[in-house]
Amino acid sequence: MNQLINTGTKKYRERKFWLSVCQVYEWEAAEDELCNTYFRNNVSGETQWTIPEEVNRLGDCMALETLELSENVIKAFAPSLVAITTLTRLCGFDNKLKELPARFGELVNLTHLDLHNNDLRLLPRTYT
């Protein structure tokens, strides 16, 4: 039975380095038998259903204006999406979206939004 390796330990850092030499990422997306996406840590053996903070770099795209994520099996946008204040066009139709990030209304420059054919039931409240 594989034991989980705790992050921050010497063993974790050594394994992470060895995997990087082999061009294996620390985190990778995987699917279960029902096509649900989860994230697997190749260093520690940990798995989780939400996008890991180390991978969630979408908010670093400070000049991004158009984001096309249509026709995938996306269930949720990364919360960091709302940090892209330059975003004017977002297409995410034909996915499995169930909800939008809580601060979605902060995308004040968004002029085109296409999210048809998803599983959205409610829009988040926007506070100004």
C-alpha atoms as a PDB file:
ATOM      1  CA  MET A   1       0.000   0.000   0.000  1.00  0.00           C
ATOM      2  CA  ASN A   2       1.347   3.446  -0.953  1.00  0.00           C
ATOM      3  CA  GLN A   3       1.728   5.928   1.848  1.00  0.00           C
ATOM      4  CA  LEU A   4       1.067   9.612   1.284  1.00  0.00           C
ATOM      5  CA  ILE A   5       4.166  11.801   1.431  1.00  0.00           C
ATOM      6  CA  ASN A   6       3.602  15.009   3.396  1.00  0.00           C
ATOM      7  CA  THR A   7       4.293  18.230   1.515  1.00  0.00           C
ATOM      8  CA  GLY A   8       7.200  20.292   2.809  1.00  0.00           C
ATOM      9  CA  THR A   9       9.251  17.257   3.817  1.00  0.00           C
ATOM     10  CA  LYS A  10      12.664  16.414   2.405  1.00  0.00           C
ATOM     11  CA  LYS A  11      11.261  13.224   0.878  1.00  0.00           C
ATOM     12  CA  TYR A  12       8.539  15.245  -0.892  1.00  0.00           C
ATOM     13  CA  ARG A  13      11.068  17.744  -2.313  1.00  0.00           C
ATOM     14  CA  GLU A  14      13.361  14.932  -3.498  1.00  0.00           C
ATOM     15  CA  ARG A  15      10.505  13.071  -5.205  1.00  0.00           C
ATOM     16  CA  LYS A  16       9.206  16.289  -6.767  1.00  0.00           C
ATOM     17  CA  PHE A  17      12.687  17.015  -8.165  1.00  0.00           C
ATOM     18  CA  TRP A  18      13.062  13.458  -9.512  1.00  0.00           C
ATOM     19  CA  LEU A  19       9.652  13.638 -11.199  1.00  0.00           C
ATOM     20  CA  SER A  20      10.480  17.042 -12.735  1.00  0.00           C
ATOM     21  CA  VAL A  21      13.633  15.528 -14.254  1.00  0.00           C
ATOM     22  CA  CYS A  22      11.352  12.906 -15.819  1.00  0.00           C
ATOM     23  CA  GLN A  23       9.048  15.732 -16.990  1.00  0.00           C
ATOM     24  CA  VAL A  24       6.170  14.614 -14.758  1.00  0.00           C
ATOM     25  CA  TYR A  25       4.086  17.422 -13.279  1.00  0.00           C
ATOM     26  CA  GLU A  26       3.423  17.645  -9.564  1.00  0.00           C
ATOM     27  CA  TRP A  27      -0.362  17.853 -10.158  1.00  0.00           C
ATOM     28  CA  GLU A  28      -2.329  16.446 -13.072  1.00  0.00           C
ATOM     29  CA  ALA A  29      -5.974  16.234 -13.967  1.00  0.00           C
ATOM     30  CA  ALA A  30      -7.448  12.743 -14.192  1.00  0.00           C
ATOM     31  CA  GLU A  31     -10.906  11.238 -14.720  1.00  0.00           C
ATOM     32  CA  ASP A  32     -12.731   8.563 -12.798  1.00  0.00           C
ATOM     33  CA  GLU A  33     -14.885   5.875 -14.417  1.00  0.00           C
ATOM     34  CA  LEU A  34     -17.852   8.289 -14.626  1.00  0.00           C
ATOM     35  CA  CYS A  35     -15.783  10.962 -16.427  1.00  0.00           C
ATOM     36  CA  ASN A  36     -15.601  13.167 -13.319  1.00  0.00           C
ATOM     37  CA  THR A  37     -12.411  15.194 -13.245  1.00  0.00           C
ATOM     38  CA  TYR A  38     -10.222  15.127 -10.166  1.00  0.00           C
ATOM     39  CA  PHE A  39      -6.637  16.172  -9.473  1.00  0.00           C
ATOM     40  CA  ARG A  40      -3.855  13.768  -8.542  1.00  0.00           C
ATOM     41  CA  ASN A  41      -0.607  14.809  -6.890  1.00  0.00           C
ATOM     42  CA  ASN A  42       2.084  12.637  -8.475  1.00  0.00           C
ATOM     43  CA  VAL A  43       4.497  13.382  -5.633  1.00  0.00           C
ATOM     44  CA  SER A  44       2.398  12.697  -2.550  1.00  0.00           C
ATOM     45  CA  GLY A  45      -0.263  10.408  -3.989  1.00  0.00           C
ATOM     46  CA  GLU A  46      -3.019  12.742  -2.744  1.00  0.00           C
ATOM     47  CA  THR A  47      -6.160  13.276  -4.810  1.00  0.00           C
ATOM     48  CA  GLN A  48      -8.762  16.016  -4.592  1.00  0.00           C
ATOM     49  CA  TRP A  49     -11.832  17.180  -6.486  1.00  0.00           C
ATOM     50  CA  THR A  50     -11.086  20.908  -6.453  1.00  0.00           C
ATOM     51  CA  ILE A  51      -8.324  22.565  -8.439  1.00  0.00           C
ATOM     52  CA  PRO A  52      -5.156  22.786  -6.298  1.00  0.00           C
ATOM     53  CA  GLU A  53      -3.897  26.274  -5.445  1.00  0.00           C
ATOM     54  CA  GLU A  54      -0.525  25.423  -7.037  1.00  0.00           C
ATOM     55  CA  VAL A  55      -2.264  24.841 -10.383  1.00  0.00           C
ATOM     56  CA  ASN A  56      -4.840  27.612 -10.138  1.00  0.00           C
ATOM     57  CA  ARG A  57      -2.824  30.267 -11.996  1.00  0.00           C
ATOM     58  CA  LEU A  58      -5.645  31.620 -14.153  1.00  0.00           C
ATOM     59  CA  GLY A  59      -5.778  34.869 -12.180  1.00  0.00           C
ATOM     60  CA  ASP A  60      -2.181  35.607 -13.208  1.00  0.00           C
ATOM     61  CA  CYS A  61      -3.298  36.272 -16.810  1.00  0.00           C
ATOM     62  CA  MET A  62      -3.675  40.014 -16.260  1.00  0.00           C
ATOM     63  CA  ALA A  63      -3.900  40.987 -19.956  1.00  0.00           C
ATOM     64  CA  LEU A  64      -6.290  38.237 -21.087  1.00  0.00           C
ATOM     65  CA  GLU A  65      -9.316  39.586 -22.954  1.00  0.00           C
ATOM     66  CA  THR A  66     -10.912  36.451 -24.459  1.00  0.00           C
ATOM     67  CA  LEU A  67     -11.234  33.058 -22.807  1.00  0.00           C
ATOM     68  CA  GLU A  68     -12.728  30.150 -24.777  1.00  0.00           C
ATOM     69  CA  LEU A  69     -13.544  27.073 -22.674  1.00  0.00           C
ATOM     70  CA  SER A  70     -16.508  25.669 -24.596  1.00  0.00           C
ATOM     71  CA  GLU A  71     -17.291  22.023 -25.318  1.00  0.00           C
ATOM     72  CA  ASN A  72     -15.359  20.463 -22.450  1.00  0.00           C
ATOM     73  CA  VAL A  73     -16.476  18.716 -19.292  1.00  0.00           C
ATOM     74  CA  ILE A  74     -15.805  21.686 -16.999  1.00  0.00           C
ATOM     75  CA  LYS A  75     -17.857  21.595 -13.804  1.00  0.00           C
ATOM     76  CA  ALA A  76     -16.644  24.851 -12.275  1.00  0.00           C
ATOM     77  CA  PHE A  77     -14.460  27.801 -13.180  1.00  0.00           C
ATOM     78  CA  ALA A  78     -11.416  28.434 -11.028  1.00  0.00           C
ATOM     79  CA  PRO A  79     -12.179  31.125  -8.423  1.00  0.00           C
ATOM     80  CA  SER A  80      -9.132  33.073  -9.655  1.00  0.00           C
ATOM     81  CA  LEU A  81     -11.019  33.779 -12.908  1.00  0.00           C
ATOM     82  CA  VAL A  82     -12.511  36.883 -11.280  1.00  0.00           C
ATOM     83  CA  ALA A  83      -9.016  38.379 -10.925  1.00  0.00           C
ATOM     84  CA  ILE A  84      -8.768  38.842 -14.714  1.00  0.00           C
ATOM     85  CA  THR A  85     -10.140  42.374 -14.808  1.00  0.00           C
ATOM     86  CA  THR A  86      -9.303  42.759 -18.524  1.00  0.00           C
ATOM     87  CA  LEU A  87     -11.596  39.879 -19.554  1.00  0.00           C
ATOM     88  CA  THR A  88     -14.186  41.094 -22.076  1.00  0.00           C
ATOM     89  CA  ARG A  89     -15.331  37.823 -23.666  1.00  0.00           C
ATOM     90  CA  LEU A  90     -15.962  34.478 -21.948  1.00  0.00           C
ATOM     91  CA  CYS A  91     -17.349  31.448 -23.758  1.00  0.00           C
ATOM     92  CA  GLY A  92     -18.025  28.311 -21.769  1.00  0.00           C
ATOM     93  CA  PHE A  93     -20.999  26.697 -23.476  1.00  0.00           C
ATOM     94  CA  ASP A  94     -21.577  22.919 -23.678  1.00  0.00           C
ATOM     95  CA  ASN A  95     -19.935  22.091 -20.347  1.00  0.00           C
ATOM     96  CA  LYS A  96     -21.128  20.749 -17.003  1.00  0.00           C
ATOM     97  CA  LEU A  97     -20.977  24.047 -15.076  1.00  0.00           C
ATOM     98  CA  LYS A  98     -23.087  23.929 -11.929  1.00  0.00           C
ATOM     99  CA  GLU A  99     -22.107  27.302 -10.463  1.00  0.00           C
ATOM    100  CA  LEU A 100     -20.027  30.398 -11.109  1.00  0.00           C
ATOM    101  CA  PRO A 101     -17.374  31.826  -8.780  1.00  0.00           C
ATOM    102  CA  ALA A 102     -18.914  33.854  -5.938  1.00  0.00           C
ATOM    103  CA  ARG A 103     -17.310  37.118  -7.104  1.00  0.00           C
ATOM    104  CA  PHE A 104     -18.210  36.595 -10.786  1.00  0.00           C
ATOM    105  CA  GLY A 105     -19.919  40.005 -10.897  1.00  0.00           C
ATOM    106  CA  GLU A 106     -16.519  41.663 -10.417  1.00  0.00           C
ATOM    107  CA  LEU A 107     -15.746  40.995 -14.092  1.00  0.00           C
ATOM    108  CA  VAL A 108     -16.881  44.532 -14.900  1.00  0.00           C
ATOM    109  CA  ASN A 109     -15.341  44.624 -18.394  1.00  0.00           C
ATOM    110  CA  LEU A 110     -17.136  41.455 -19.515  1.00  0.00           C
ATOM    111  CA  THR A 111     -19.288  42.369 -22.518  1.00  0.00           C
ATOM    112  CA  HIS A 112     -19.875  38.907 -24.031  1.00  0.00           C
ATOM    113  CA  LEU A 113     -20.814  35.868 -21.963  1.00  0.00           C
ATOM    114  CA  ASP A 114     -21.972  32.582 -23.506  1.00  0.00           C
ATOM    115  CA  LEU A 115     -22.705  29.791 -21.040  1.00  0.00           C
ATOM    116  CA  HIS A 116     -25.601  28.035 -22.773  1.00  0.00           C
ATOM    117  CA  ASN A 117     -26.072  24.292 -22.377  1.00  0.00           C
ATOM    118  CA  ASN A 118     -24.698  23.952 -18.842  1.00  0.00           C
ATOM    119  CA  ASP A 119     -26.203  22.871 -15.522  1.00  0.00           C
ATOM    120  CA  LEU A 120     -26.369  26.379 -14.019  1.00  0.00           C
ATOM    121  CA  ARG A 121     -29.318  26.963 -11.695  1.00  0.00           C
ATOM    122  CA  LEU A 122     -28.413  30.193  -9.871  1.00  0.00           C
ATOM    123  CA  LEU A 123     -26.192  33.158 -10.506  1.00  0.00           C
ATOM    124  CA  PRO A 124     -24.037  34.423  -7.647  1.00  0.00           C
ATOM    125  CA  ARG A 125     -25.067  37.585  -5.842  1.00  0.00           C
ATOM    126  CA  THR A 126     -23.011  40.594  -6.817  1.00  0.00           C
ATOM    127  CA  TYR A 127     -22.183  43.210  -4.230  1.00  0.00           C
ATOM    128  CA  THR A 128     -21.150  46.687  -5.358  1.00  0.00           C
END
